[in-house]
Structure formats: C-alpha cells, structure tokens
Amino acid sequence: MAIVGLGVMTLFEALSAGLRLEMRSSDQTRAITYSRQAIDGFLIRRGIRDGGEEGSVGGRHRWSVEVRPFQESSQLSSVRWDLKEVRLRVRYREGEREKEVVLKTLRLLKKNNP
C-alpha cells in the first residue's frame, strides 16, 4: 500500500510541476505577443520623435518605448535620413517576481529639411 501511495504522490508532483511550467510559458508568450503588438502600433505612426512613451496592455502588462538616435557613424551619416533606435520594454508579474521583455529595432526616418 505504501508503494502505491508513493507512486500516486510522485504522479501528482509531476503533474503540478507541469502545470506550473505551462503557466509560466503562457505568461511569457502573452508578454511577447503584447510586445509585438505595442511596437507595431508605435512604428506605424508618422512623425516618430526622440523621447519616450508609456502605457499598459492586457491589464497586467506595462510597456515603455524609448526612441533615440542610433550611434553616429561616418558611414551612416546622411543629409536626408536619420537612423533611430526604438527600444520597447514590457514588464509583467509572474508570481512574486517582475519579469521583462525587451524588443529593439532600427527605424530609418526622412529628415525634415527646410
């Protein structure tokens, strides 16, 4: 009887570990999906300017976007174009910990020359 009890307890432990792992994976997948939606929504706008913005999506996820000039290089400099780095951070809670997803991309923008 003791052997059957140990077997059942081992089975319950394996199932609960699997459920915890699935929950964490689901939270991370949701955060990545929200990150993609937020950065796509930001990049389709006209007139992206240096600086930052913040917001929330999905109730538990907070995002912030930072736009800044990409590292200046003589090979990349142009009179008509600016290269900007766009960094999006999405923060969410997983249990007692706060997790973060970071997406970075570059955006080529036409300069507004008078």
Protein backbone atom coordinates (compact mmCIF):
# COMPACT_ATOMS: atom_id res chain seq x y z
CA MET A 1 0.00 0.00 0.00
CA ALA A 2 2.87 2.36 0.81
CA ILE A 3 4.37 1.78 -2.64
CA VAL A 4 1.07 2.69 -4.33
CA GLY A 5 0.87 5.84 -2.17
CA LEU A 6 4.41 6.87 -3.19
CA GLY A 7 3.55 6.27 -6.84
CA VAL A 8 0.41 8.41 -6.62
CA MET A 9 2.28 11.24 -4.84
CA THR A 10 5.04 11.16 -7.47
CA LEU A 11 2.42 11.37 -10.20
CA PHE A 12 0.75 14.37 -8.52
CA GLU A 13 4.12 16.14 -8.14
CA ALA A 14 4.93 15.61 -11.82
CA LEU A 15 1.53 16.93 -12.89
CA SER A 16 1.72 20.02 -10.67
CA ALA A 17 5.25 20.81 -11.93
CA GLY A 18 3.97 20.53 -15.49
CA LEU A 19 1.08 22.88 -14.77
CA ARG A 20 3.39 25.48 -13.17
CA LEU A 21 5.70 25.29 -16.19
CA GLU A 22 2.76 25.72 -18.57
CA MET A 23 1.52 28.77 -16.65
CA ARG A 24 4.93 30.45 -16.81
CA SER A 25 5.23 29.68 -20.51
CA SER A 26 1.76 31.11 -21.11
CA ASP A 27 2.62 34.36 -19.27
CA GLN A 28 5.82 34.78 -21.26
CA THR A 29 4.10 34.03 -24.57
CA ARG A 30 1.40 36.57 -23.74
CA ALA A 31 4.03 39.20 -22.86
CA ILE A 32 5.87 38.63 -26.15
CA THR A 33 2.59 38.88 -28.10
CA TYR A 34 1.70 42.16 -26.35
CA SER A 35 5.24 43.44 -27.01
CA ARG A 36 4.91 42.80 -30.71
CA GLN A 37 1.52 44.49 -30.82
CA ALA A 38 2.79 47.55 -28.93
CA ILE A 39 5.92 48.04 -31.06
CA ASP A 40 3.99 47.50 -34.30
CA GLY A 41 1.41 50.08 -33.22
CA PHE A 42 4.17 52.53 -32.38
CA LEU A 43 6.16 52.01 -35.61
CA ILE A 44 3.24 52.59 -37.99
CA ARG A 45 2.83 56.16 -36.77
CA ARG A 46 4.15 59.11 -38.71
CA GLY A 47 6.50 61.57 -37.10
CA ILE A 48 8.30 59.38 -34.58
CA ARG A 49 10.26 61.70 -32.30
CA ASP A 50 13.08 61.16 -29.82
CA GLY A 51 11.90 60.54 -26.27
CA GLY A 52 9.65 58.05 -24.61
CA GLU A 53 6.08 56.94 -24.02
CA GLU A 54 4.40 54.59 -21.57
CA GLY A 55 1.18 52.66 -21.41
CA SER A 56 -0.41 49.37 -20.47
CA VAL A 57 -1.95 46.50 -22.35
CA GLY A 58 -3.83 43.42 -21.26
CA GLY A 59 -4.36 44.66 -17.72
CA ARG A 60 -1.19 43.24 -16.16
CA HIS A 61 1.42 44.34 -18.72
CA ARG A 62 3.08 47.79 -18.69
CA TRP A 63 5.13 48.98 -21.65
CA SER A 64 7.53 51.84 -22.29
CA VAL A 65 9.10 52.94 -25.57
CA GLU A 66 12.32 54.89 -25.90
CA VAL A 67 13.40 56.45 -29.20
CA ARG A 68 16.90 57.84 -29.62
CA PRO A 69 19.36 58.46 -32.43
CA PHE A 70 21.38 55.41 -33.39
CA GLN A 71 25.12 55.62 -32.75
CA GLU A 72 26.56 58.18 -35.07
CA SER A 73 28.97 56.78 -37.62
CA SER A 74 30.57 58.48 -40.58
CA GLN A 75 29.40 55.59 -42.76
CA LEU A 76 25.80 56.02 -41.63
CA SER A 77 25.55 59.80 -41.69
CA SER A 78 23.25 61.29 -44.28
CA VAL A 79 21.86 64.71 -45.07
CA ARG A 80 18.37 63.36 -45.81
CA TRP A 81 17.92 60.41 -43.41
CA ASP A 82 18.03 59.74 -39.66
CA LEU A 83 18.57 56.30 -38.18
CA LYS A 84 16.70 55.86 -34.88
CA GLU A 85 16.89 53.09 -32.31
CA VAL A 86 13.50 52.09 -30.89
CA ARG A 87 13.50 50.10 -27.63
CA LEU A 88 10.32 48.67 -26.14
CA ARG A 89 10.15 47.18 -22.64
CA VAL A 90 7.16 45.22 -21.38
CA ARG A 91 7.03 44.45 -17.66
CA TYR A 92 4.72 41.91 -16.07
CA ARG A 93 4.42 39.97 -12.82
CA GLU A 94 4.98 36.26 -12.66
CA GLY A 95 4.15 35.15 -9.15
CA GLU A 96 6.18 37.36 -6.82
CA ARG A 97 8.75 38.34 -9.44
CA GLU A 98 8.62 41.09 -12.01
CA LYS A 99 9.70 39.95 -15.48
CA GLU A 100 10.64 42.00 -18.52
CA VAL A 101 10.63 41.53 -22.29
CA VAL A 102 12.78 43.92 -24.36
CA LEU A 103 12.46 44.41 -28.12
CA LYS A 104 14.83 46.63 -30.12
CA THR A 105 14.66 47.72 -33.71
CA LEU A 106 16.03 50.42 -36.00
CA ARG A 107 13.88 52.87 -37.92
CA LEU A 108 15.03 54.94 -40.91
CA LEU A 109 13.26 58.31 -41.00
CA LYS A 110 13.38 61.05 -43.57
CA LYS A 111 14.71 64.32 -42.15
CA ASN A 112 12.53 67.42 -42.25
CA ASN A 113 14.92 69.77 -44.03
CA PRO A 114 13.60 73.25 -44.75
